[in-house]
PDBML (XML) file of the C-alpha atoms, coordinates in Angstrom:
<?xml version="1.0" encoding="UTF-8" ?>
<PDBx:datablock datablockName="MODEL"
   xmlns:PDBx="http://pdbml.pdb.org/schema/pdbx-v50.xsd"
   xmlns:xsi="http://www.w3.org/2001/XMLSchema-instance"
   xsi:schemaLocation="http://pdbml.pdb.org/schema/pdbx-v50.xsd pdbx-v50.xsd">
   <PDBx:atom_siteCategory>
      <PDBx:atom_site id="1">
         <PDBx:B_iso_or_equiv>0.00</PDBx:B_iso_or_equiv>
         <PDBx:Cartn_x>15.707</PDBx:Cartn_x>
         <PDBx:Cartn_y>5.468</PDBx:Cartn_y>
         <PDBx:Cartn_z>-20.673</PDBx:Cartn_z>
         <PDBx:auth_asym_id>A</PDBx:auth_asym_id>
         <PDBx:auth_atom_id>CA</PDBx:auth_atom_id>
         <PDBx:auth_comp_id>LYS</PDBx:auth_comp_id>
         <PDBx:auth_seq_id>1</PDBx:auth_seq_id>
         <PDBx:group_PDB>ATOM</PDBx:group_PDB>
         <PDBx:label_alt_id xsi:nil="true" />
         <PDBx:label_asym_id>A</PDBx:label_asym_id>
         <PDBx:label_atom_id>CA</PDBx:label_atom_id>
         <PDBx:label_comp_id>LYS</PDBx:label_comp_id>
         <PDBx:label_entity_id>1</PDBx:label_entity_id>
         <PDBx:label_seq_id>1</PDBx:label_seq_id>
         <PDBx:occupancy>1.00</PDBx:occupancy>
         <PDBx:pdbx_PDB_model_num>1</PDBx:pdbx_PDB_model_num>
         <PDBx:type_symbol>C</PDBx:type_symbol>
      </PDBx:atom_site>
      <PDBx:atom_site id="2">
         <PDBx:B_iso_or_equiv>0.00</PDBx:B_iso_or_equiv>
         <PDBx:Cartn_x>12.178</PDBx:Cartn_x>
         <PDBx:Cartn_y>3.989</PDBx:Cartn_y>
         <PDBx:Cartn_z>-20.749</PDBx:Cartn_z>
         <PDBx:auth_asym_id>A</PDBx:auth_asym_id>
         <PDBx:auth_atom_id>CA</PDBx:auth_atom_id>
         <PDBx:auth_comp_id>ILE</PDBx:auth_comp_id>
         <PDBx:auth_seq_id>2</PDBx:auth_seq_id>
         <PDBx:group_PDB>ATOM</PDBx:group_PDB>
         <PDBx:label_alt_id xsi:nil="true" />
         <PDBx:label_asym_id>A</PDBx:label_asym_id>
         <PDBx:label_atom_id>CA</PDBx:label_atom_id>
         <PDBx:label_comp_id>ILE</PDBx:label_comp_id>
         <PDBx:label_entity_id>1</PDBx:label_entity_id>
         <PDBx:label_seq_id>2</PDBx:label_seq_id>
         <PDBx:occupancy>1.00</PDBx:occupancy>
         <PDBx:pdbx_PDB_model_num>1</PDBx:pdbx_PDB_model_num>
         <PDBx:type_symbol>C</PDBx:type_symbol>
      </PDBx:atom_site>
      <PDBx:atom_site id="3">
         <PDBx:B_iso_or_equiv>0.00</PDBx:B_iso_or_equiv>
         <PDBx:Cartn_x>13.219</PDBx:Cartn_x>
         <PDBx:Cartn_y>0.373</PDBx:Cartn_y>
         <PDBx:Cartn_z>-19.987</PDBx:Cartn_z>
         <PDBx:auth_asym_id>A</PDBx:auth_asym_id>
         <PDBx:auth_atom_id>CA</PDBx:auth_atom_id>
         <PDBx:auth_comp_id>PRO</PDBx:auth_comp_id>
         <PDBx:auth_seq_id>3</PDBx:auth_seq_id>
         <PDBx:group_PDB>ATOM</PDBx:group_PDB>
         <PDBx:label_alt_id xsi:nil="true" />
         <PDBx:label_asym_id>A</PDBx:label_asym_id>
         <PDBx:label_atom_id>CA</PDBx:label_atom_id>
         <PDBx:label_comp_id>PRO</PDBx:label_comp_id>
         <PDBx:label_entity_id>1</PDBx:label_entity_id>
         <PDBx:label_seq_id>3</PDBx:label_seq_id>
         <PDBx:occupancy>1.00</PDBx:occupancy>
         <PDBx:pdbx_PDB_model_num>1</PDBx:pdbx_PDB_model_num>
         <PDBx:type_symbol>C</PDBx:type_symbol>
      </PDBx:atom_site>
      <PDBx:atom_site id="4">
         <PDBx:B_iso_or_equiv>0.00</PDBx:B_iso_or_equiv>
         <PDBx:Cartn_x>15.240</PDBx:Cartn_x>
         <PDBx:Cartn_y>1.465</PDBx:Cartn_y>
         <PDBx:Cartn_z>-16.939</PDBx:Cartn_z>
         <PDBx:auth_asym_id>A</PDBx:auth_asym_id>
         <PDBx:auth_atom_id>CA</PDBx:auth_atom_id>
         <PDBx:auth_comp_id>LEU</PDBx:auth_comp_id>
         <PDBx:auth_seq_id>4</PDBx:auth_seq_id>
         <PDBx:group_PDB>ATOM</PDBx:group_PDB>
         <PDBx:label_alt_id xsi:nil="true" />
         <PDBx:label_asym_id>A</PDBx:label_asym_id>
         <PDBx:label_atom_id>CA</PDBx:label_atom_id>
         <PDBx:label_comp_id>LEU</PDBx:label_comp_id>
         <PDBx:label_entity_id>1</PDBx:label_entity_id>
         <PDBx:label_seq_id>4</PDBx:label_seq_id>
         <PDBx:occupancy>1.00</PDBx:occupancy>
         <PDBx:pdbx_PDB_model_num>1</PDBx:pdbx_PDB_model_num>
         <PDBx:type_symbol>C</PDBx:type_symbol>
      </PDBx:atom_site>
      <PDBx:atom_site id="5">
         <PDBx:B_iso_or_equiv>0.00</PDBx:B_iso_or_equiv>
         <PDBx:Cartn_x>12.336</PDBx:Cartn_x>
         <PDBx:Cartn_y>3.435</PDBx:Cartn_y>
         <PDBx:Cartn_z>-15.510</PDBx:Cartn_z>
         <PDBx:auth_asym_id>A</PDBx:auth_asym_id>
         <PDBx:auth_atom_id>CA</PDBx:auth_atom_id>
         <PDBx:auth_comp_id>VAL</PDBx:auth_comp_id>
         <PDBx:auth_seq_id>5</PDBx:auth_seq_id>
         <PDBx:group_PDB>ATOM</PDBx:group_PDB>
         <PDBx:label_alt_id xsi:nil="true" />
         <PDBx:label_asym_id>A</PDBx:label_asym_id>
         <PDBx:label_atom_id>CA</PDBx:label_atom_id>
         <PDBx:label_comp_id>VAL</PDBx:label_comp_id>
         <PDBx:label_entity_id>1</PDBx:label_entity_id>
         <PDBx:label_seq_id>5</PDBx:label_seq_id>
         <PDBx:occupancy>1.00</PDBx:occupancy>
         <PDBx:pdbx_PDB_model_num>1</PDBx:pdbx_PDB_model_num>
         <PDBx:type_symbol>C</PDBx:type_symbol>
      </PDBx:atom_site>
      <PDBx:atom_site id="6">
         <PDBx:B_iso_or_equiv>0.00</PDBx:B_iso_or_equiv>
         <PDBx:Cartn_x>9.923</PDBx:Cartn_x>
         <PDBx:Cartn_y>0.597</PDBx:Cartn_y>
         <PDBx:Cartn_z>-16.304</PDBx:Cartn_z>
         <PDBx:auth_asym_id>A</PDBx:auth_asym_id>
         <PDBx:auth_atom_id>CA</PDBx:auth_atom_id>
         <PDBx:auth_comp_id>ALA</PDBx:auth_comp_id>
         <PDBx:auth_seq_id>6</PDBx:auth_seq_id>
         <PDBx:group_PDB>ATOM</PDBx:group_PDB>
         <PDBx:label_alt_id xsi:nil="true" />
         <PDBx:label_asym_id>A</PDBx:label_asym_id>
         <PDBx:label_atom_id>CA</PDBx:label_atom_id>
         <PDBx:label_comp_id>ALA</PDBx:label_comp_id>
         <PDBx:label_entity_id>1</PDBx:label_entity_id>
         <PDBx:label_seq_id>6</PDBx:label_seq_id>
         <PDBx:occupancy>1.00</PDBx:occupancy>
         <PDBx:pdbx_PDB_model_num>1</PDBx:pdbx_PDB_model_num>
         <PDBx:type_symbol>C</PDBx:type_symbol>
      </PDBx:atom_site>
      <PDBx:atom_site id="7">
         <PDBx:B_iso_or_equiv>0.00</PDBx:B_iso_or_equiv>
         <PDBx:Cartn_x>12.055</PDBx:Cartn_x>
         <PDBx:Cartn_y>-1.955</PDBx:Cartn_y>
         <PDBx:Cartn_z>-14.447</PDBx:Cartn_z>
         <PDBx:auth_asym_id>A</PDBx:auth_asym_id>
         <PDBx:auth_atom_id>CA</PDBx:auth_atom_id>
         <PDBx:auth_comp_id>VAL</PDBx:auth_comp_id>
         <PDBx:auth_seq_id>7</PDBx:auth_seq_id>
         <PDBx:group_PDB>ATOM</PDBx:group_PDB>
         <PDBx:label_alt_id xsi:nil="true" />
         <PDBx:label_asym_id>A</PDBx:label_asym_id>
         <PDBx:label_atom_id>CA</PDBx:label_atom_id>
         <PDBx:label_comp_id>VAL</PDBx:label_comp_id>
         <PDBx:label_entity_id>1</PDBx:label_entity_id>
         <PDBx:label_seq_id>7</PDBx:label_seq_id>
         <PDBx:occupancy>1.00</PDBx:occupancy>
         <PDBx:pdbx_PDB_model_num>1</PDBx:pdbx_PDB_model_num>
         <PDBx:type_symbol>C</PDBx:type_symbol>
      </PDBx:atom_site>
      <PDBx:atom_site id="8">
         <PDBx:B_iso_or_equiv>0.00</PDBx:B_iso_or_equiv>
         <PDBx:Cartn_x>12.410</PDBx:Cartn_x>
         <PDBx:Cartn_y>0.276</PDBx:Cartn_y>
         <PDBx:Cartn_z>-11.390</PDBx:Cartn_z>
         <PDBx:auth_asym_id>A</PDBx:auth_asym_id>
         <PDBx:auth_atom_id>CA</PDBx:auth_atom_id>
         <PDBx:auth_comp_id>THR</PDBx:auth_comp_id>
         <PDBx:auth_seq_id>8</PDBx:auth_seq_id>
         <PDBx:group_PDB>ATOM</PDBx:group_PDB>
         <PDBx:label_alt_id xsi:nil="true" />
         <PDBx:label_asym_id>A</PDBx:label_asym_id>
         <PDBx:label_atom_id>CA</PDBx:label_atom_id>
         <PDBx:label_comp_id>THR</PDBx:label_comp_id>
         <PDBx:label_entity_id>1</PDBx:label_entity_id>
         <PDBx:label_seq_id>8</PDBx:label_seq_id>
         <PDBx:occupancy>1.00</PDBx:occupancy>
         <PDBx:pdbx_PDB_model_num>1</PDBx:pdbx_PDB_model_num>
         <PDBx:type_symbol>C</PDBx:type_symbol>
      </PDBx:atom_site>
      <PDBx:atom_site id="9">
         <PDBx:B_iso_or_equiv>0.00</PDBx:B_iso_or_equiv>
         <PDBx:Cartn_x>8.680</PDBx:Cartn_x>
         <PDBx:Cartn_y>1.013</PDBx:Cartn_y>
         <PDBx:Cartn_z>-11.185</PDBx:Cartn_z>
         <PDBx:auth_asym_id>A</PDBx:auth_asym_id>
         <PDBx:auth_atom_id>CA</PDBx:auth_atom_id>
         <PDBx:auth_comp_id>LEU</PDBx:auth_comp_id>
         <PDBx:auth_seq_id>9</PDBx:auth_seq_id>
         <PDBx:group_PDB>ATOM</PDBx:group_PDB>
         <PDBx:label_alt_id xsi:nil="true" />
         <PDBx:label_asym_id>A</PDBx:label_asym_id>
         <PDBx:label_atom_id>CA</PDBx:label_atom_id>
         <PDBx:label_comp_id>LEU</PDBx:label_comp_id>
         <PDBx:label_entity_id>1</PDBx:label_entity_id>
         <PDBx:label_seq_id>9</PDBx:label_seq_id>
         <PDBx:occupancy>1.00</PDBx:occupancy>
         <PDBx:pdbx_PDB_model_num>1</PDBx:pdbx_PDB_model_num>
         <PDBx:type_symbol>C</PDBx:type_symbol>
      </PDBx:atom_site>
      <PDBx:atom_site id="10">
         <PDBx:B_iso_or_equiv>0.00</PDBx:B_iso_or_equiv>
         <PDBx:Cartn_x>7.756</PDBx:Cartn_x>
         <PDBx:Cartn_y>-2.586</PDBx:Cartn_y>
         <PDBx:Cartn_z>-11.964</PDBx:Cartn_z>
         <PDBx:auth_asym_id>A</PDBx:auth_asym_id>
         <PDBx:auth_atom_id>CA</PDBx:auth_atom_id>
         <PDBx:auth_comp_id>ARG</PDBx:auth_comp_id>
         <PDBx:auth_seq_id>10</PDBx:auth_seq_id>
         <PDBx:group_PDB>ATOM</PDBx:group_PDB>
         <PDBx:label_alt_id xsi:nil="true" />
         <PDBx:label_asym_id>A</PDBx:label_asym_id>
         <PDBx:label_atom_id>CA</PDBx:label_atom_id>
         <PDBx:label_comp_id>ARG</PDBx:label_comp_id>
         <PDBx:label_entity_id>1</PDBx:label_entity_id>
         <PDBx:label_seq_id>10</PDBx:label_seq_id>
         <PDBx:occupancy>1.00</PDBx:occupancy>
         <PDBx:pdbx_PDB_model_num>1</PDBx:pdbx_PDB_model_num>
         <PDBx:type_symbol>C</PDBx:type_symbol>
      </PDBx:atom_site>
      <PDBx:atom_site id="11">
         <PDBx:B_iso_or_equiv>0.00</PDBx:B_iso_or_equiv>
         <PDBx:Cartn_x>9.668</PDBx:Cartn_x>
         <PDBx:Cartn_y>-3.671</PDBx:Cartn_y>
         <PDBx:Cartn_z>-8.865</PDBx:Cartn_z>
         <PDBx:auth_asym_id>A</PDBx:auth_asym_id>
         <PDBx:auth_atom_id>CA</PDBx:auth_atom_id>
         <PDBx:auth_comp_id>GLU</PDBx:auth_comp_id>
         <PDBx:auth_seq_id>11</PDBx:auth_seq_id>
         <PDBx:group_PDB>ATOM</PDBx:group_PDB>
         <PDBx:label_alt_id xsi:nil="true" />
         <PDBx:label_asym_id>A</PDBx:label_asym_id>
         <PDBx:label_atom_id>CA</PDBx:label_atom_id>
         <PDBx:label_comp_id>GLU</PDBx:label_comp_id>
         <PDBx:label_entity_id>1</PDBx:label_entity_id>
         <PDBx:label_seq_id>11</PDBx:label_seq_id>
         <PDBx:occupancy>1.00</PDBx:occupancy>
         <PDBx:pdbx_PDB_model_num>1</PDBx:pdbx_PDB_model_num>
         <PDBx:type_symbol>C</PDBx:type_symbol>
      </PDBx:atom_site>
      <PDBx:atom_site id="12">
         <PDBx:B_iso_or_equiv>0.00</PDBx:B_iso_or_equiv>
         <PDBx:Cartn_x>7.945</PDBx:Cartn_x>
         <PDBx:Cartn_y>-0.936</PDBx:Cartn_y>
         <PDBx:Cartn_z>-6.879</PDBx:Cartn_z>
         <PDBx:auth_asym_id>A</PDBx:auth_asym_id>
         <PDBx:auth_atom_id>CA</PDBx:auth_atom_id>
         <PDBx:auth_comp_id>GLY</PDBx:auth_comp_id>
         <PDBx:auth_seq_id>12</PDBx:auth_seq_id>
         <PDBx:group_PDB>ATOM</PDBx:group_PDB>
         <PDBx:label_alt_id xsi:nil="true" />
         <PDBx:label_asym_id>A</PDBx:label_asym_id>
         <PDBx:label_atom_id>CA</PDBx:label_atom_id>
         <PDBx:label_comp_id>GLY</PDBx:label_comp_id>
         <PDBx:label_entity_id>1</PDBx:label_entity_id>
         <PDBx:label_seq_id>12</PDBx:label_seq_id>
         <PDBx:occupancy>1.00</PDBx:occupancy>
         <PDBx:pdbx_PDB_model_num>1</PDBx:pdbx_PDB_model_num>
         <PDBx:type_symbol>C</PDBx:type_symbol>
      </PDBx:atom_site>
      <PDBx:atom_site id="13">
         <PDBx:B_iso_or_equiv>0.00</PDBx:B_iso_or_equiv>
         <PDBx:Cartn_x>4.515</PDBx:Cartn_x>
         <PDBx:Cartn_y>-2.021</PDBx:Cartn_y>
         <PDBx:Cartn_z>-8.100</PDBx:Cartn_z>
         <PDBx:auth_asym_id>A</PDBx:auth_asym_id>
         <PDBx:auth_atom_id>CA</PDBx:auth_atom_id>
         <PDBx:auth_comp_id>ALA</PDBx:auth_comp_id>
         <PDBx:auth_seq_id>13</PDBx:auth_seq_id>
         <PDBx:group_PDB>ATOM</PDBx:group_PDB>
         <PDBx:label_alt_id xsi:nil="true" />
         <PDBx:label_asym_id>A</PDBx:label_asym_id>
         <PDBx:label_atom_id>CA</PDBx:label_atom_id>
         <PDBx:label_comp_id>ALA</PDBx:label_comp_id>
         <PDBx:label_entity_id>1</PDBx:label_entity_id>
         <PDBx:label_seq_id>13</PDBx:label_seq_id>
         <PDBx:occupancy>1.00</PDBx:occupancy>
         <PDBx:pdbx_PDB_model_num>1</PDBx:pdbx_PDB_model_num>
         <PDBx:type_symbol>C</PDBx:type_symbol>
      </PDBx:atom_site>
      <PDBx:atom_site id="14">
         <PDBx:B_iso_or_equiv>0.00</PDBx:B_iso_or_equiv>
         <PDBx:Cartn_x>5.306</PDBx:Cartn_x>
         <PDBx:Cartn_y>-5.625</PDBx:Cartn_y>
         <PDBx:Cartn_z>-7.203</PDBx:Cartn_z>
         <PDBx:auth_asym_id>A</PDBx:auth_asym_id>
         <PDBx:auth_atom_id>CA</PDBx:auth_atom_id>
         <PDBx:auth_comp_id>ARG</PDBx:auth_comp_id>
         <PDBx:auth_seq_id>14</PDBx:auth_seq_id>
         <PDBx:group_PDB>ATOM</PDBx:group_PDB>
         <PDBx:label_alt_id xsi:nil="true" />
         <PDBx:label_asym_id>A</PDBx:label_asym_id>
         <PDBx:label_atom_id>CA</PDBx:label_atom_id>
         <PDBx:label_comp_id>ARG</PDBx:label_comp_id>
         <PDBx:label_entity_id>1</PDBx:label_entity_id>
         <PDBx:label_seq_id>14</PDBx:label_seq_id>
         <PDBx:occupancy>1.00</PDBx:occupancy>
         <PDBx:pdbx_PDB_model_num>1</PDBx:pdbx_PDB_model_num>
         <PDBx:type_symbol>C</PDBx:type_symbol>
      </PDBx:atom_site>
      <PDBx:atom_site id="15">
         <PDBx:B_iso_or_equiv>0.00</PDBx:B_iso_or_equiv>
         <PDBx:Cartn_x>6.193</PDBx:Cartn_x>
         <PDBx:Cartn_y>-4.487</PDBx:Cartn_y>
         <PDBx:Cartn_z>-3.682</PDBx:Cartn_z>
         <PDBx:auth_asym_id>A</PDBx:auth_asym_id>
         <PDBx:auth_atom_id>CA</PDBx:auth_atom_id>
         <PDBx:auth_comp_id>ALA</PDBx:auth_comp_id>
         <PDBx:auth_seq_id>15</PDBx:auth_seq_id>
         <PDBx:group_PDB>ATOM</PDBx:group_PDB>
         <PDBx:label_alt_id xsi:nil="true" />
         <PDBx:label_asym_id>A</PDBx:label_asym_id>
         <PDBx:label_atom_id>CA</PDBx:label_atom_id>
         <PDBx:label_comp_id>ALA</PDBx:label_comp_id>
         <PDBx:label_entity_id>1</PDBx:label_entity_id>
         <PDBx:label_seq_id>15</PDBx:label_seq_id>
         <PDBx:occupancy>1.00</PDBx:occupancy>
         <PDBx:pdbx_PDB_model_num>1</PDBx:pdbx_PDB_model_num>
         <PDBx:type_symbol>C</PDBx:type_symbol>
      </PDBx:atom_site>
      <PDBx:atom_site id="16">
         <PDBx:B_iso_or_equiv>0.00</PDBx:B_iso_or_equiv>
         <PDBx:Cartn_x>2.887</PDBx:Cartn_x>
         <PDBx:Cartn_y>-2.662</PDBx:Cartn_y>
         <PDBx:Cartn_z>-3.078</PDBx:Cartn_z>
         <PDBx:auth_asym_id>A</PDBx:auth_asym_id>
         <PDBx:auth_atom_id>CA</PDBx:auth_atom_id>
         <PDBx:auth_comp_id>LEU</PDBx:auth_comp_id>
         <PDBx:auth_seq_id>16</PDBx:auth_seq_id>
         <PDBx:group_PDB>ATOM</PDBx:group_PDB>
         <PDBx:label_alt_id xsi:nil="true" />
         <PDBx:label_asym_id>A</PDBx:label_asym_id>
         <PDBx:label_atom_id>CA</PDBx:label_atom_id>
         <PDBx:label_comp_id>LEU</PDBx:label_comp_id>
         <PDBx:label_entity_id>1</PDBx:label_entity_id>
         <PDBx:label_seq_id>16</PDBx:label_seq_id>
         <PDBx:occupancy>1.00</PDBx:occupancy>
         <PDBx:pdbx_PDB_model_num>1</PDBx:pdbx_PDB_model_num>
         <PDBx:type_symbol>C</PDBx:type_symbol>
      </PDBx:atom_site>
      <PDBx:atom_site id="17">
         <PDBx:B_iso_or_equiv>0.00</PDBx:B_iso_or_equiv>
         <PDBx:Cartn_x>1.162</PDBx:Cartn_x>
         <PDBx:Cartn_y>-3.742</PDBx:Cartn_y>
         <PDBx:Cartn_z>0.115</PDBx:Cartn_z>
         <PDBx:auth_asym_id>A</PDBx:auth_asym_id>
         <PDBx:auth_atom_id>CA</PDBx:auth_atom_id>
         <PDBx:auth_comp_id>ASP</PDBx:auth_comp_id>
         <PDBx:auth_seq_id>17</PDBx:auth_seq_id>
         <PDBx:group_PDB>ATOM</PDBx:group_PDB>
         <PDBx:label_alt_id xsi:nil="true" />
         <PDBx:label_asym_id>A</PDBx:label_asym_id>
         <PDBx:label_atom_id>CA</PDBx:label_atom_id>
         <PDBx:label_comp_id>ASP</PDBx:label_comp_id>
         <PDBx:label_entity_id>1</PDBx:label_entity_id>
         <PDBx:label_seq_id>17</PDBx:label_seq_id>
         <PDBx:occupancy>1.00</PDBx:occupancy>
         <PDBx:pdbx_PDB_model_num>1</PDBx:pdbx_PDB_model_num>
         <PDBx:type_symbol>C</PDBx:type_symbol>
      </PDBx:atom_site>
      <PDBx:atom_site id="18">
         <PDBx:B_iso_or_equiv>0.00</PDBx:B_iso_or_equiv>
         <PDBx:Cartn_x>-1.862</PDBx:Cartn_x>
         <PDBx:Cartn_y>-5.879</PDBx:Cartn_y>
         <PDBx:Cartn_z>-0.811</PDBx:Cartn_z>
         <PDBx:auth_asym_id>A</PDBx:auth_asym_id>
         <PDBx:auth_atom_id>CA</PDBx:auth_atom_id>
         <PDBx:auth_comp_id>ASP</PDBx:auth_comp_id>
         <PDBx:auth_seq_id>18</PDBx:auth_seq_id>
         <PDBx:group_PDB>ATOM</PDBx:group_PDB>
         <PDBx:label_alt_id xsi:nil="true" />
         <PDBx:label_asym_id>A</PDBx:label_asym_id>
         <PDBx:label_atom_id>CA</PDBx:label_atom_id>
         <PDBx:label_comp_id>ASP</PDBx:label_comp_id>
         <PDBx:label_entity_id>1</PDBx:label_entity_id>
         <PDBx:label_seq_id>18</PDBx:label_seq_id>
         <PDBx:occupancy>1.00</PDBx:occupancy>
         <PDBx:pdbx_PDB_model_num>1</PDBx:pdbx_PDB_model_num>
         <PDBx:type_symbol>C</PDBx:type_symbol>
      </PDBx:atom_site>
      <PDBx:atom_site id="19">
         <PDBx:B_iso_or_equiv>0.00</PDBx:B_iso_or_equiv>
         <PDBx:Cartn_x>-3.482</PDBx:Cartn_x>
         <PDBx:Cartn_y>-5.097</PDBx:Cartn_y>
         <PDBx:Cartn_z>2.544</PDBx:Cartn_z>
         <PDBx:auth_asym_id>A</PDBx:auth_asym_id>
         <PDBx:auth_atom_id>CA</PDBx:auth_atom_id>
         <PDBx:auth_comp_id>ASP</PDBx:auth_comp_id>
         <PDBx:auth_seq_id>19</PDBx:auth_seq_id>
         <PDBx:group_PDB>ATOM</PDBx:group_PDB>
         <PDBx:label_alt_id xsi:nil="true" />
         <PDBx:label_asym_id>A</PDBx:label_asym_id>
         <PDBx:label_atom_id>CA</PDBx:label_atom_id>
         <PDBx:label_comp_id>ASP</PDBx:label_comp_id>
         <PDBx:label_entity_id>1</PDBx:label_entity_id>
         <PDBx:label_seq_id>19</PDBx:label_seq_id>
         <PDBx:occupancy>1.00</PDBx:occupancy>
         <PDBx:pdbx_PDB_model_num>1</PDBx:pdbx_PDB_model_num>
         <PDBx:type_symbol>C</PDBx:type_symbol>
      </PDBx:atom_site>
      <PDBx:atom_site id="20">
         <PDBx:B_iso_or_equiv>0.00</PDBx:B_iso_or_equiv>
         <PDBx:Cartn_x>-3.519</PDBx:Cartn_x>
         <PDBx:Cartn_y>-1.382</PDBx:Cartn_y>
         <PDBx:Cartn_z>1.718</PDBx:Cartn_z>
         <PDBx:auth_asym_id>A</PDBx:auth_asym_id>
         <PDBx:auth_atom_id>CA</PDBx:auth_atom_id>
         <PDBx:auth_comp_id>LEU</PDBx:auth_comp_id>
         <PDBx:auth_seq_id>20</PDBx:auth_seq_id>
         <PDBx:group_PDB>ATOM</PDBx:group_PDB>
         <PDBx:label_alt_id xsi:nil="true" />
         <PDBx:label_asym_id>A</PDBx:label_asym_id>
         <PDBx:label_atom_id>CA</PDBx:label_atom_id>
         <PDBx:label_comp_id>LEU</PDBx:label_comp_id>
         <PDBx:label_entity_id>1</PDBx:label_entity_id>
         <PDBx:label_seq_id>20</PDBx:label_seq_id>
         <PDBx:occupancy>1.00</PDBx:occupancy>
         <PDBx:pdbx_PDB_model_num>1</PDBx:pdbx_PDB_model_num>
         <PDBx:type_symbol>C</PDBx:type_symbol>
      </PDBx:atom_site>
      <PDBx:atom_site id="21">
         <PDBx:B_iso_or_equiv>0.00</PDBx:B_iso_or_equiv>
         <PDBx:Cartn_x>-5.005</PDBx:Cartn_x>
         <PDBx:Cartn_y>-2.231</PDBx:Cartn_y>
         <PDBx:Cartn_z>-1.664</PDBx:Cartn_z>
         <PDBx:auth_asym_id>A</PDBx:auth_asym_id>
         <PDBx:auth_atom_id>CA</PDBx:auth_atom_id>
         <PDBx:auth_comp_id>ASP</PDBx:auth_comp_id>
         <PDBx:auth_seq_id>21</PDBx:auth_seq_id>
         <PDBx:group_PDB>ATOM</PDBx:group_PDB>
         <PDBx:label_alt_id xsi:nil="true" />
         <PDBx:label_asym_id>A</PDBx:label_asym_id>
         <PDBx:label_atom_id>CA</PDBx:label_atom_id>
         <PDBx:label_comp_id>ASP</PDBx:label_comp_id>
         <PDBx:label_entity_id>1</PDBx:label_entity_id>
         <PDBx:label_seq_id>21</PDBx:label_seq_id>
         <PDBx:occupancy>1.00</PDBx:occupancy>
         <PDBx:pdbx_PDB_model_num>1</PDBx:pdbx_PDB_model_num>
         <PDBx:type_symbol>C</PDBx:type_symbol>
      </PDBx:atom_site>
      <PDBx:atom_site id="22">
         <PDBx:B_iso_or_equiv>0.00</PDBx:B_iso_or_equiv>
         <PDBx:Cartn_x>-7.778</PDBx:Cartn_x>
         <PDBx:Cartn_y>-4.164</PDBx:Cartn_y>
         <PDBx:Cartn_z>0.093</PDBx:Cartn_z>
         <PDBx:auth_asym_id>A</PDBx:auth_asym_id>
         <PDBx:auth_atom_id>CA</PDBx:auth_atom_id>
         <PDBx:auth_comp_id>ALA</PDBx:auth_comp_id>
         <PDBx:auth_seq_id>22</PDBx:auth_seq_id>
         <PDBx:group_PDB>ATOM</PDBx:group_PDB>
         <PDBx:label_alt_id xsi:nil="true" />
         <PDBx:label_asym_id>A</PDBx:label_asym_id>
         <PDBx:label_atom_id>CA</PDBx:label_atom_id>
         <PDBx:label_comp_id>ALA</PDBx:label_comp_id>
         <PDBx:label_entity_id>1</PDBx:label_entity_id>
         <PDBx:label_seq_id>22</PDBx:label_seq_id>
         <PDBx:occupancy>1.00</PDBx:occupancy>
         <PDBx:pdbx_PDB_model_num>1</PDBx:pdbx_PDB_model_num>
         <PDBx:type_symbol>C</PDBx:type_symbol>
      </PDBx:atom_site>
      <PDBx:atom_site id="23">
         <PDBx:B_iso_or_equiv>0.00</PDBx:B_iso_or_equiv>
         <PDBx:Cartn_x>-8.437</PDBx:Cartn_x>
         <PDBx:Cartn_y>-1.242</PDBx:Cartn_y>
         <PDBx:Cartn_z>2.451</PDBx:Cartn_z>
         <PDBx:auth_asym_id>A</PDBx:auth_asym_id>
         <PDBx:auth_atom_id>CA</PDBx:auth_atom_id>
         <PDBx:auth_comp_id>VAL</PDBx:auth_comp_id>
         <PDBx:auth_seq_id>23</PDBx:auth_seq_id>
         <PDBx:group_PDB>ATOM</PDBx:group_PDB>
         <PDBx:label_alt_id xsi:nil="true" />
         <PDBx:label_asym_id>A</PDBx:label_asym_id>
         <PDBx:label_atom_id>CA</PDBx:label_atom_id>
         <PDBx:label_comp_id>VAL</PDBx:label_comp_id>
         <PDBx:label_entity_id>1</PDBx:label_entity_id>
         <PDBx:label_seq_id>23</PDBx:label_seq_id>
         <PDBx:occupancy>1.00</PDBx:occupancy>
         <PDBx:pdbx_PDB_model_num>1</PDBx:pdbx_PDB_model_num>
         <PDBx:type_symbol>C</PDBx:type_symbol>
      </PDBx:atom_site>
      <PDBx:atom_site id="24">
         <PDBx:B_iso_or_equiv>0.00</PDBx:B_iso_or_equiv>
         <PDBx:Cartn_x>-8.731</PDBx:Cartn_x>
         <PDBx:Cartn_y>1.117</PDBx:Cartn_y>
         <PDBx:Cartn_z>-0.535</PDBx:Cartn_z>
         <PDBx:auth_asym_id>A</PDBx:auth_asym_id>
         <PDBx:auth_atom_id>CA</PDBx:auth_atom_id>
         <PDBx:auth_comp_id>ALA</PDBx:auth_comp_id>
         <PDBx:auth_seq_id>24</PDBx:auth_seq_id>
         <PDBx:group_PDB>ATOM</PDBx:group_PDB>
         <PDBx:label_alt_id xsi:nil="true" />
         <PDBx:label_asym_id>A</PDBx:label_asym_id>
         <PDBx:label_atom_id>CA</PDBx:label_atom_id>
         <PDBx:label_comp_id>ALA</PDBx:label_comp_id>
         <PDBx:label_entity_id>1</PDBx:label_entity_id>
         <PDBx:label_seq_id>24</PDBx:label_seq_id>
         <PDBx:occupancy>1.00</PDBx:occupancy>
         <PDBx:pdbx_PDB_model_num>1</PDBx:pdbx_PDB_model_num>
         <PDBx:type_symbol>C</PDBx:type_symbol>
      </PDBx:atom_site>
   </PDBx:atom_siteCategory>
</PDBx:datablock>
């Protein structure tokens, strides 16, 4: 199961909004 979860969350982490990261 670990690789499936990792791939899903990797795509989510790639999609994080960089502008919100900058605001933080």
